[in-house]
Amino acid sequence: MKRKLINHLFLSLLFLSALSRAVAQTPLTLQDYLQQVKTQGANYQNAITNRKMTDLNRQFIGQHWSGGINLGGNYNASNDNTYSFDTTTQTYNNFNWYEQDSANFSGGLNFNNNWDFGINTNLSYTVYAYRDWYSDPPYPWLPYNYTSDNLRFSVGIPLWRNFLGAEIRAQDKSSLLGSDSNIDSNEYQIQLVLYTAKQAYYNLASVRAEVEYRREGLEDYRRLSQWAEAHLSAQDRLQARSAVKDWELALENAEDRERQARNNFNLTRSKAGSEVPENLQTLEELNASDPRSWPSHSPDRLDLQAVRLGLESAKYSLLTAEEQDKLDVTLTGSIGGSFFTQSNYYPAPPPAGAPWWSQYSVGLNFSVPFELFTNLWGINLETQRMSFEERTLGLATTENADTQQWEDMTLRYQKSDGRIQEAAQLVGDDKEKRDQGEALFQKGRVDTFEMVSFVSQYFSARMTYLSWISQKLTLLDQSQLYQAKAGEWKN
């Protein structure tokens, strides 16, 4: 029984060991890595947060009302003395100690709105209550109660600046376009984080392959050096040793860059440390399984759309500045009154049938700032105009550069498959030349210099092959930045 249990445990351990090896050998695919970046990456989450914040801020655009409820009250206790002064005797007489307690309360509603057509309106309602209930010595009117209210409606009509709402509408339009620009910019940043993650994946896969190739090349050079030490001249032995040393240093450099690539790989997915235990897909596998094709035309990148919208926003900001350069002339009017006034000392409220609107006014306000008489007046407007012209020229330059970049990318992609095929053929040729050269080297028909060159050429051909594959994948990723649409991160 005991032996049977031991056998079961042994088989279980073998199964777990095989399972762990199988899991370790399963590569971390590019899509799995991008999913880790989306769920764990701080840069991606920050980009999503900035995008959502832009949506929240957009909700406040076009809201020009304000208001609230105001409540307040206080209790007052006064202690003082009174006296009289006799000018004949130059003495103070009739000293009396005075105490009084009182309280008041006020509350109200206030609502203010700037309408799109320029008019400003304000509606307010206030209630006030006062009670004075104690005094020593007593006064005949105590206790004294007083309660009143006030309803007022005011309107302001601009006659020059912001006439018919020109300024407020320009501000709203500028803010909306600026918000749209921020949205496209945020969306581009989201796509850029994923693009950067793909580059980190390609880079690590490429540098890992380079380390592997250099280790293979180092083994080739060490075999050459061992043969040279046993069979060749001192000059050949020295040359073989130099090749080994150079390749060892190059391998160390590649290992350093591989560690840096691992750091960047983990940093992109917000993982601590520099170890990447997962195997990655090779660049050849990624290229073979990539279903993407080159777009037939050049759509706008989201960041370029953001620049265009930002320029439109600046145009309306310029209109706002032009309005602000005008003088403020406003026709005002108000009407108000009280519904009730109650007091135990003053006469009774107005008789029934009397109108409540006992207060009204009409006025004209004209504001002239001192800057009008200095060279400061109009500087903001002139600055806005110069900034708008600068951004217009900047957009034209950006569009030209974007067109050139797209044409260059298209040309390089069209040549990429042919270059990859030629590089693959070169790898095969250089491998065959290296293998045959090693056999001839041992027969003395190829010297050390030629053999070192064969190994080096084979390594260079393999790296060139990977470089062309990486460039093709990168070009496809860049083309996706052109085709990205706002909101894709929600899918």
Protein backbone atom coordinates (compact mmCIF):
# COMPACT_ATOMS: atom_id res chain seq x y z
CA MET A 1 0.00 0.00 0.00
CA LYS A 2 2.80 2.36 0.96
CA ARG A 3 4.68 1.58 -2.24
CA LYS A 4 1.55 2.25 -4.30
CA LEU A 5 1.12 5.65 -2.61
CA ILE A 6 4.74 6.53 -3.39
CA ASN A 7 4.19 5.62 -7.03
CA HIS A 8 1.11 7.88 -7.19
CA LEU A 9 3.06 10.78 -5.69
CA PHE A 10 5.94 10.23 -8.10
CA LEU A 11 3.59 10.19 -11.10
CA SER A 12 1.85 13.34 -9.83
CA LEU A 13 5.17 15.15 -9.52
CA LEU A 14 6.13 14.11 -13.03
CA PHE A 15 2.79 15.37 -14.35
CA LEU A 16 3.12 18.72 -12.57
CA SER A 17 6.69 19.10 -13.80
CA ALA A 18 5.67 18.39 -17.38
CA LEU A 19 2.72 20.77 -17.07
CA SER A 20 4.93 23.57 -15.72
CA ARG A 21 7.41 23.05 -18.59
CA ALA A 22 4.58 23.18 -21.09
CA VAL A 23 3.26 26.40 -19.57
CA ALA A 24 6.74 27.91 -19.56
CA GLN A 25 7.23 27.00 -23.22
CA THR A 26 3.92 28.61 -24.24
CA PRO A 27 4.91 31.99 -25.71
CA LEU A 28 3.46 35.25 -24.52
CA THR A 29 1.80 36.38 -27.73
CA LEU A 30 1.73 39.99 -28.84
CA GLN A 31 -2.02 40.19 -28.22
CA ASP A 32 -1.62 38.78 -24.71
CA TYR A 33 1.07 41.35 -24.00
CA LEU A 34 -1.13 44.20 -25.28
CA GLN A 35 -3.91 42.94 -23.03
CA GLN A 36 -1.54 43.13 -20.07
CA VAL A 37 -0.65 46.70 -21.06
CA LYS A 38 -4.35 47.62 -21.18
CA THR A 39 -5.21 46.08 -17.82
CA GLN A 40 -2.00 46.77 -15.89
CA GLY A 41 -0.06 49.48 -17.72
CA ALA A 42 -0.01 52.81 -15.88
CA ASN A 43 0.55 54.83 -19.06
CA TYR A 44 -2.47 53.27 -20.74
CA GLN A 45 -4.68 53.78 -17.69
CA ASN A 46 -3.53 57.39 -17.40
CA ALA A 47 -4.39 57.98 -21.05
CA ILE A 48 -7.87 56.51 -20.50
CA THR A 49 -8.34 58.69 -17.39
CA ASN A 50 -7.35 61.84 -19.29
CA ARG A 51 -9.84 60.92 -22.01
CA LYS A 52 -12.66 60.53 -19.48
CA MET A 53 -11.72 63.78 -17.74
CA THR A 54 -12.09 65.58 -21.07
CA ASP A 55 -15.64 64.22 -21.40
CA LEU A 56 -16.49 65.42 -17.90
CA ASN A 57 -15.09 68.91 -18.50
CA ARG A 58 -17.02 69.15 -21.76
CA GLN A 59 -20.31 68.98 -19.84
CA PHE A 60 -19.69 72.43 -18.35
CA ILE A 61 -19.28 74.15 -21.72
CA GLY A 62 -22.23 76.40 -22.57
CA GLN A 63 -23.55 76.57 -19.01
CA HIS A 64 -23.72 80.25 -18.06
CA TRP A 65 -26.05 80.13 -15.12
CA SER A 66 -25.27 80.36 -11.46
CA GLY A 67 -27.32 80.47 -8.30
CA GLY A 68 -27.89 79.03 -4.92
CA ILE A 69 -29.56 79.26 -1.53
CA ASN A 70 -28.21 81.69 1.02
CA LEU A 71 -28.95 81.29 4.73
CA GLY A 72 -27.57 83.25 7.65
CA GLY A 73 -28.38 84.32 11.18
CA ASN A 74 -26.76 85.72 14.27
CA TYR A 75 -27.41 86.55 17.90
CA ASN A 76 -26.29 89.90 19.33
CA ALA A 77 -25.83 90.85 22.99
CA SER A 78 -24.67 94.36 23.79
CA ASN A 79 -23.52 95.73 27.13
CA ASP A 80 -22.85 99.47 27.30
CA ASN A 81 -23.40 102.49 29.47
CA THR A 82 -25.07 105.86 28.91
CA TYR A 83 -24.39 109.16 30.59
CA SER A 84 -24.87 112.91 30.26
CA PHE A 85 -22.29 115.70 30.42
CA ASP A 86 -22.95 118.95 32.29
CA THR A 87 -21.09 121.70 30.47
CA THR A 88 -21.56 124.13 33.37
CA THR A 89 -19.95 122.00 36.01
CA GLN A 90 -17.87 120.01 33.50
CA THR A 91 -18.97 116.74 35.08
CA TYR A 92 -20.55 113.47 33.93
CA ASN A 93 -23.98 112.64 35.35
CA ASN A 94 -26.72 110.01 35.08
CA PHE A 95 -24.59 106.96 34.53
CA ASN A 96 -26.81 104.03 33.43
CA TRP A 97 -25.86 100.43 32.56
CA TYR A 98 -27.47 99.28 29.29
CA GLU A 99 -28.11 95.74 28.06
CA GLN A 100 -29.87 94.59 24.90
CA ASP A 101 -30.40 91.17 23.23
CA SER A 102 -31.42 90.71 19.59
CA ALA A 103 -31.31 88.16 16.78
CA ASN A 104 -31.80 88.24 13.00
CA PHE A 105 -32.15 85.73 10.22
CA SER A 106 -31.91 86.09 6.45
CA GLY A 107 -32.41 83.59 3.69
CA GLY A 108 -32.97 83.67 -0.01
CA LEU A 109 -32.67 82.25 -3.48
CA ASN A 110 -30.62 83.69 -6.32
CA PHE A 111 -30.48 82.67 -9.98
CA ASN A 112 -28.37 84.36 -12.66
CA ASN A 113 -28.07 83.46 -16.34
CA ASN A 114 -26.19 84.83 -19.36
CA TRP A 115 -28.21 83.92 -22.43
CA ASP A 116 -26.74 83.04 -25.81
CA PHE A 117 -28.32 86.14 -27.36
CA GLY A 118 -26.42 88.36 -24.95
CA ILE A 119 -28.97 89.30 -22.31
CA ASN A 120 -28.15 88.78 -18.63
CA THR A 121 -30.99 88.07 -16.22
CA ASN A 122 -31.06 87.76 -12.45
CA LEU A 123 -33.89 86.64 -10.22
CA SER A 124 -33.60 86.81 -6.44
CA TYR A 125 -35.88 86.37 -3.48
CA THR A 126 -34.88 87.26 0.09
CA VAL A 127 -36.61 86.92 3.46
CA TYR A 128 -35.40 88.90 6.49
CA ALA A 129 -36.54 88.50 10.10
CA TYR A 130 -35.43 90.50 13.17
CA ARG A 131 -36.36 90.26 16.86
CA ASP A 132 -35.19 92.49 19.73
CA TRP A 133 -36.68 91.12 22.95
CA TYR A 134 -34.79 92.40 25.97
CA SER A 135 -33.34 95.64 27.24
CA ASP A 136 -32.41 96.93 30.66
CA PRO A 137 -33.59 99.58 31.25
CA PRO A 138 -36.67 98.56 29.21
CA TYR A 139 -37.78 100.49 26.14
CA PRO A 140 -41.49 100.97 25.37
CA TRP A 141 -41.28 99.33 21.92
CA LEU A 142 -39.81 96.07 23.16
CA PRO A 143 -40.15 93.28 22.33
CA TYR A 144 -39.78 94.32 18.69
CA ASN A 145 -40.51 91.97 15.79
CA TYR A 146 -39.93 92.72 12.11
CA THR A 147 -40.26 90.38 9.10
CA SER A 148 -40.03 91.29 5.43
CA ASP A 149 -39.25 89.85 2.00
CA ASN A 150 -38.02 91.12 -1.34
CA LEU A 151 -38.43 89.72 -4.86
CA ARG A 152 -36.35 91.31 -7.61
CA PHE A 153 -35.89 90.63 -11.31
CA SER A 154 -33.03 92.36 -13.16
CA VAL A 155 -31.99 92.38 -16.80
CA GLY A 156 -28.90 93.67 -18.61
CA ILE A 157 -28.76 94.20 -22.38
CA PRO A 158 -25.29 94.77 -23.91
CA LEU A 159 -25.26 97.45 -26.60
CA TRP A 160 -21.65 97.21 -27.83
CA ARG A 161 -19.41 94.50 -26.35
CA ASN A 162 -21.18 91.11 -26.55
CA PHE A 163 -23.98 92.68 -28.61
CA LEU A 164 -26.56 89.98 -29.40
CA GLY A 165 -24.31 87.49 -27.56
CA ALA A 166 -21.37 87.67 -30.01
CA GLU A 167 -18.75 87.22 -27.27
CA ILE A 168 -20.46 84.48 -25.32
CA ARG A 169 -21.21 82.44 -28.47
CA ALA A 170 -17.61 82.78 -29.64
CA GLN A 171 -16.38 81.62 -26.23
CA ASP A 172 -18.67 78.59 -26.31
CA LYS A 173 -17.64 77.67 -29.85
CA SER A 174 -13.97 78.02 -28.97
CA SER A 175 -14.43 75.87 -25.87
CA LEU A 176 -16.33 73.16 -27.76
CA LEU A 177 -13.75 72.98 -30.53
CA GLY A 178 -10.97 73.00 -27.95
CA SER A 179 -12.68 70.11 -26.18
CA ASP A 180 -12.96 68.20 -29.47
CA SER A 181 -9.27 68.84 -30.06
CA ASN A 182 -8.43 67.49 -26.61
CA ILE A 183 -10.58 64.41 -27.23
CA ASP A 184 -8.74 63.58 -30.46
CA SER A 185 -5.41 64.26 -28.77
CA ASN A 186 -6.32 61.97 -25.87
CA GLU A 187 -7.47 59.27 -28.29
CA TYR A 188 -4.17 59.52 -30.14
CA GLN A 189 -2.26 59.17 -26.88
CA ILE A 190 -4.18 55.96 -26.16
CA GLN A 191 -3.23 54.57 -29.57
CA LEU A 192 0.35 55.78 -29.11
CA VAL A 193 0.70 53.82 -25.86
CA LEU A 194 -0.30 50.61 -27.67
CA TYR A 195 2.03 51.44 -30.56
CA THR A 196 4.89 51.94 -28.10
CA ALA A 197 4.04 48.61 -26.45
CA LYS A 198 4.28 46.83 -29.80
CA GLN A 199 7.68 48.40 -30.41
CA ALA A 200 8.82 47.18 -26.99
CA TYR A 201 7.70 43.65 -27.92
CA TYR A 202 9.47 43.74 -31.31
CA ASN A 203 12.61 45.17 -29.77
CA LEU A 204 12.87 42.47 -27.11
CA ALA A 205 12.17 39.72 -29.62
CA SER A 206 14.84 41.16 -31.95
CA VAL A 207 17.54 41.65 -29.33
CA ARG A 208 16.92 38.18 -27.89
CA ALA A 209 17.47 36.76 -31.36
CA GLU A 210 20.65 38.84 -31.67
CA VAL A 211 21.99 37.44 -28.38
CA GLU A 212 21.23 33.92 -29.58
CA TYR A 213 22.94 34.58 -32.95
CA ARG A 214 26.01 36.09 -31.29
CA ARG A 215 26.34 33.12 -28.95
CA GLU A 216 26.26 30.82 -31.94
CA GLY A 217 28.83 32.99 -33.70
CA LEU A 218 31.03 32.97 -30.62
CA GLU A 219 30.99 29.16 -30.61
CA ASP A 220 32.03 29.24 -34.29
CA TYR A 221 34.94 31.58 -33.52
CA ARG A 222 36.05 29.48 -30.57
CA ARG A 223 36.17 26.38 -32.77
CA LEU A 224 38.20 28.32 -35.31
CA SER A 225 40.54 29.52 -32.60
CA GLN A 226 41.03 26.01 -31.23
CA TRP A 227 41.88 24.71 -34.72
CA ALA A 228 44.22 27.61 -35.33
CA GLU A 229 46.00 27.02 -32.01
CA ALA A 230 46.67 23.42 -32.98
CA HIS A 231 47.46 23.70 -36.68
CA LEU A 232 48.14 27.24 -37.91
CA SER A 233 50.81 29.90 -37.69
CA ALA A 234 51.22 32.47 -34.95
CA GLN A 235 49.65 35.15 -37.10
CA ASP A 236 46.57 33.03 -37.73
CA ARG A 237 46.33 32.16 -34.05
CA LEU A 238 46.50 35.86 -33.10
CA GLN A 239 43.82 36.72 -35.62
CA ALA A 240 41.54 33.97 -34.34
CA ARG A 241 42.02 35.10 -30.73
CA SER A 242 41.19 38.69 -31.68
CA ALA A 243 37.99 37.53 -33.39
CA VAL A 244 36.94 35.62 -30.26
CA LYS A 245 37.65 38.62 -28.02
CA ASP A 246 35.80 41.04 -30.29
CA TRP A 247 32.82 38.71 -30.43
CA GLU A 248 32.78 38.28 -26.63
CA LEU A 249 32.65 42.05 -26.18
CA ALA A 250 29.90 42.33 -28.81
CA LEU A 251 27.94 39.61 -27.00
CA GLU A 252 28.24 41.50 -23.71
CA ASN A 253 26.95 44.63 -25.42
CA ALA A 254 24.02 42.69 -26.87
CA GLU A 255 23.23 41.23 -23.44
CA ASP A 256 23.24 44.74 -21.95
CA ARG A 257 20.79 45.91 -24.62
CA GLU A 258 18.68 42.80 -24.01
CA ARG A 259 18.46 43.72 -20.33
CA GLN A 260 17.44 47.26 -21.23
CA ALA A 261 14.82 45.88 -23.61
CA ARG A 262 13.46 43.69 -20.79
CA ASN A 263 13.28 46.70 -18.49
CA ASN A 264 11.33 48.66 -21.08
CA PHE A 265 9.12 45.64 -21.79
CA ASN A 266 8.17 45.34 -18.11
CA LEU A 267 7.87 49.08 -17.61
CA THR A 268 5.32 49.29 -20.40
CA ARG A 269 3.12 46.73 -18.64
CA SER A 270 3.93 48.23 -15.20
CA LYS A 271 5.70 45.15 -13.90
CA ALA A 272 8.59 45.44 -11.46
CA GLY A 273 12.02 44.02 -12.15
CA SER A 274 13.94 43.27 -15.31
CA GLU A 275 13.18 39.57 -15.68
CA VAL A 276 10.92 38.42 -18.50
CA PRO A 277 10.55 34.66 -18.05
CA GLU A 278 8.01 34.33 -20.86
CA ASN A 279 8.99 33.27 -24.33
CA LEU A 280 7.95 35.65 -27.08
CA GLN A 281 6.73 35.09 -30.60
CA THR A 282 9.55 35.43 -33.10
CA LEU A 283 9.44 38.23 -35.64
CA GLU A 284 9.10 35.62 -38.40
CA GLU A 285 5.98 34.20 -36.70
CA LEU A 286 4.48 37.64 -36.23
CA ASN A 287 5.06 38.49 -39.88
CA ALA A 288 3.66 35.20 -41.12
CA SER A 289 0.47 35.47 -39.03
CA ASP A 290 -0.17 39.20 -39.59
CA PRO A 291 -3.36 39.60 -41.71
CA ARG A 292 -3.04 43.36 -42.17
CA SER A 293 -2.63 45.07 -45.52
CA TRP A 294 -1.63 48.58 -46.47
CA PRO A 295 -4.46 51.17 -46.60
CA SER A 296 -5.43 52.40 -50.05
CA HIS A 297 -5.28 56.06 -49.02
CA SER A 298 -3.94 58.31 -46.28
CA PRO A 299 -6.60 59.13 -43.68
CA ASP A 300 -5.95 61.75 -41.03
CA ARG A 301 -4.15 60.85 -37.86
CA LEU A 302 -6.04 61.79 -34.73
CA ASP A 303 -3.25 64.07 -33.58
CA LEU A 304 -3.42 65.97 -36.88
CA GLN A 305 -7.18 66.28 -36.51
CA ALA A 306 -6.57 67.63 -33.02
CA VAL A 307 -4.26 70.32 -34.46
CA ARG A 308 -6.91 71.35 -37.00
CA LEU A 309 -9.62 71.55 -34.37
CA GLY A 310 -7.27 73.51 -32.13
CA LEU A 311 -6.77 76.04 -34.94
CA GLU A 312 -10.54 76.37 -35.34
CA SER A 313 -10.79 76.93 -31.60
CA ALA A 314 -8.11 79.63 -31.86
CA LYS A 315 -10.14 81.36 -34.59
CA TYR A 316 -13.10 81.75 -32.25
CA SER A 317 -10.78 82.80 -29.44
CA LEU A 318 -9.68 85.60 -31.76
CA LEU A 319 -13.32 86.63 -32.23
CA THR A 320 -13.71 86.64 -28.46
CA ALA A 321 -10.67 88.90 -28.13
CA GLU A 322 -12.12 91.26 -30.74
CA GLU A 323 -15.32 91.55 -28.70
CA GLN A 324 -13.34 92.11 -25.50
CA ASP A 325 -11.57 94.98 -27.23
CA LYS A 326 -14.87 96.88 -27.36
CA LEU A 327 -16.21 99.09 -24.58
CA ASP A 328 -18.86 97.77 -22.21
CA VAL A 329 -22.16 99.62 -22.68
CA THR A 330 -25.16 97.97 -21.01
CA LEU A 331 -28.82 98.93 -20.71
CA THR A 332 -30.14 97.75 -17.34
CA GLY A 333 -33.53 97.45 -15.77
CA SER A 334 -35.08 95.89 -12.69
CA ILE A 335 -38.41 95.50 -10.96
CA GLY A 336 -39.05 94.28 -7.44
CA GLY A 337 -40.95 94.63 -4.25
CA SER A 338 -42.25 92.92 -1.17
CA PHE A 339 -45.17 90.58 -0.70
CA PHE A 340 -45.38 91.12 3.04
CA THR A 341 -43.94 93.26 5.81
CA GLN A 342 -44.92 92.46 9.39
CA SER A 343 -44.00 94.45 12.45
CA ASN A 344 -45.45 95.00 15.92
CA TYR A 345 -44.26 98.61 15.94
CA TYR A 346 -44.49 100.07 12.45
CA PRO A 347 -47.84 100.63 10.71
CA ALA A 348 -49.70 97.76 9.10
CA PRO A 349 -48.82 96.47 5.58
CA PRO A 350 -50.25 98.20 2.48
CA PRO A 351 -54.00 97.78 2.02
CA ALA A 352 -55.41 94.97 -0.11
CA GLY A 353 -55.20 95.51 -3.85
CA ALA A 354 -51.99 97.51 -3.77
CA PRO A 355 -49.32 96.22 -6.27
CA TRP A 356 -46.36 94.40 -4.81
CA TRP A 357 -43.88 95.81 -7.35
CA SER A 358 -43.05 98.96 -5.47
CA GLN A 359 -39.47 99.19 -6.80
CA TYR A 360 -38.26 99.53 -10.39
CA SER A 361 -35.33 101.11 -12.19
CA VAL A 362 -33.90 101.71 -15.65
CA GLY A 363 -30.29 102.66 -16.32
CA LEU A 364 -27.40 102.83 -18.76
CA ASN A 365 -23.94 101.67 -17.66
CA PHE A 366 -20.84 102.73 -19.54
CA SER A 367 -17.46 101.36 -18.52
CA VAL A 368 -14.18 102.86 -19.74
CA PRO A 369 -11.01 101.10 -18.48
CA PHE A 370 -7.86 103.16 -17.98
CA GLU A 371 -5.99 100.85 -20.38
CA LEU A 372 -7.90 102.60 -23.20
CA PHE A 373 -5.63 105.61 -22.76
CA THR A 374 -2.39 103.59 -22.72
CA ASN A 375 -0.48 101.42 -25.16
CA LEU A 376 -1.76 98.34 -23.29
CA TRP A 377 -5.18 98.60 -24.96
CA GLY A 378 -5.43 96.13 -27.83
CA ILE A 379 -2.25 94.20 -26.99
CA ASN A 380 -4.20 91.03 -26.17
CA LEU A 381 -6.04 91.22 -29.49
CA GLU A 382 -2.83 91.76 -31.45
CA THR A 383 -1.17 88.87 -29.60
CA GLN A 384 -4.10 86.60 -30.45
CA ARG A 385 -3.84 87.53 -34.12
CA MET A 386 -0.13 86.82 -34.24
CA SER A 387 -0.64 83.50 -32.44
CA PHE A 388 -3.38 82.52 -34.90
CA GLU A 389 -1.16 83.30 -37.90
CA GLU A 390 1.68 81.30 -36.35
CA ARG A 391 -0.55 78.27 -35.74
CA THR A 392 -1.94 78.51 -39.29
CA LEU A 393 1.57 78.35 -40.74
CA GLY A 394 2.45 75.56 -38.32
CA LEU A 395 -0.54 73.50 -39.47
CA ALA A 396 0.47 73.89 -43.13
CA THR A 397 3.99 72.69 -42.28
CA THR A 398 2.62 69.75 -40.29
CA GLU A 399 0.30 68.72 -43.13
CA ASN A 400 3.13 68.84 -45.66
CA ALA A 401 5.37 66.77 -43.38
CA ASP A 402 2.53 64.31 -42.81
CA THR A 403 2.01 63.88 -46.56
CA GLN A 404 5.70 63.28 -47.08
CA GLN A 405 5.83 60.79 -44.23
CA TRP A 406 2.86 58.84 -45.60
CA GLU A 407 4.38 58.66 -49.10
CA ASP A 408 7.69 57.49 -47.64
CA MET A 409 5.96 54.86 -45.49
CA THR A 410 3.94 53.62 -48.47
CA LEU A 411 7.05 53.30 -50.63
CA ARG A 412 9.00 51.44 -47.94
CA TYR A 413 6.10 49.06 -47.29
CA GLN A 414 5.73 48.28 -50.99
CA LYS A 415 9.39 47.26 -51.05
CA SER A 416 9.33 45.43 -47.70
CA ASP A 417 8.26 41.97 -48.89
CA GLY A 418 10.84 41.96 -51.66
CA ARG A 419 13.57 43.05 -49.27
CA ILE A 420 12.59 40.36 -46.78
CA GLN A 421 12.77 37.70 -49.48
CA GLU A 422 16.16 38.94 -50.65
CA ALA A 423 17.42 39.04 -47.04
CA ALA A 424 16.18 35.46 -46.48
CA GLN A 425 18.02 34.33 -49.62
CA LEU A 426 21.13 36.10 -48.38
CA VAL A 427 20.88 34.30 -45.03
CA GLY A 428 20.75 30.96 -46.81
CA ASP A 429 23.68 31.82 -49.07
CA ASP A 430 25.85 33.09 -46.20
CA LYS A 431 25.03 30.05 -44.09
CA GLU A 432 26.08 27.75 -46.91
CA LYS A 433 29.24 29.79 -47.43
CA ARG A 434 30.04 29.60 -43.72
CA ASP A 435 29.47 25.84 -43.52
CA GLN A 436 31.56 25.12 -46.62
CA GLY A 437 34.22 27.58 -45.51
CA GLU A 438 34.64 25.82 -42.17
CA ALA A 439 35.31 22.51 -43.94
CA LEU A 440 37.77 24.15 -46.32
CA PHE A 441 39.41 26.02 -43.42
CA GLN A 442 40.34 22.74 -41.76
CA LYS A 443 41.88 21.59 -45.03
CA GLY A 444 43.92 24.78 -45.30
CA ARG A 445 42.18 26.00 -48.43
CA VAL A 446 40.59 29.02 -46.66
CA ASP A 447 42.65 31.29 -44.45
CA THR A 448 41.65 32.62 -41.03
CA PHE A 449 40.68 36.07 -42.27
CA GLU A 450 38.26 34.63 -44.82
CA MET A 451 36.71 32.29 -42.27
CA VAL A 452 36.18 35.12 -39.77
CA SER A 453 34.50 37.10 -42.53
CA PHE A 454 32.20 34.19 -43.40
CA VAL A 455 30.94 33.94 -39.82
CA SER A 456 30.51 37.70 -39.52
CA GLN A 457 28.65 37.93 -42.83
CA TYR A 458 26.26 35.16 -41.81
CA PHE A 459 25.46 36.97 -38.57
CA SER A 460 24.95 40.30 -40.37
CA ALA A 461 22.63 38.65 -42.89
CA ARG A 462 20.47 37.16 -40.14
CA MET A 463 20.20 40.53 -38.36
CA THR A 464 19.37 42.30 -41.62
CA TYR A 465 16.61 39.79 -42.23
CA LEU A 466 15.10 40.48 -38.80
CA SER A 467 15.51 44.21 -39.32
CA TRP A 468 13.44 44.17 -42.50
CA ILE A 469 10.69 42.14 -40.80
CA SER A 470 10.65 44.51 -37.84
CA GLN A 471 10.44 47.50 -40.17
CA LYS A 472 7.47 46.00 -42.02
CA LEU A 473 5.58 45.33 -38.78
CA THR A 474 6.38 48.83 -37.55
CA LEU A 475 5.10 50.38 -40.79
CA LEU A 476 1.82 48.49 -40.42
CA ASP A 477 1.52 49.72 -36.83
CA GLN A 478 2.17 53.29 -37.96
CA SER A 479 -0.51 52.97 -40.63
CA GLN A 480 -2.95 51.98 -37.89
CA LEU A 481 -2.27 55.29 -36.18
CA TYR A 482 -3.64 56.92 -39.33
CA GLN A 483 -6.71 54.70 -39.39
CA ALA A 484 -7.54 54.89 -35.67
CA LYS A 485 -10.97 56.26 -34.78
CA ALA A 486 -12.08 57.93 -31.60
CA GLY A 487 -13.60 55.57 -29.03
CA GLU A 488 -11.88 52.35 -30.18
CA TRP A 489 -10.50 51.84 -26.66
CA LYS A 490 -14.08 51.27 -25.41
CA ASN A 491 -14.39 48.08 -27.47
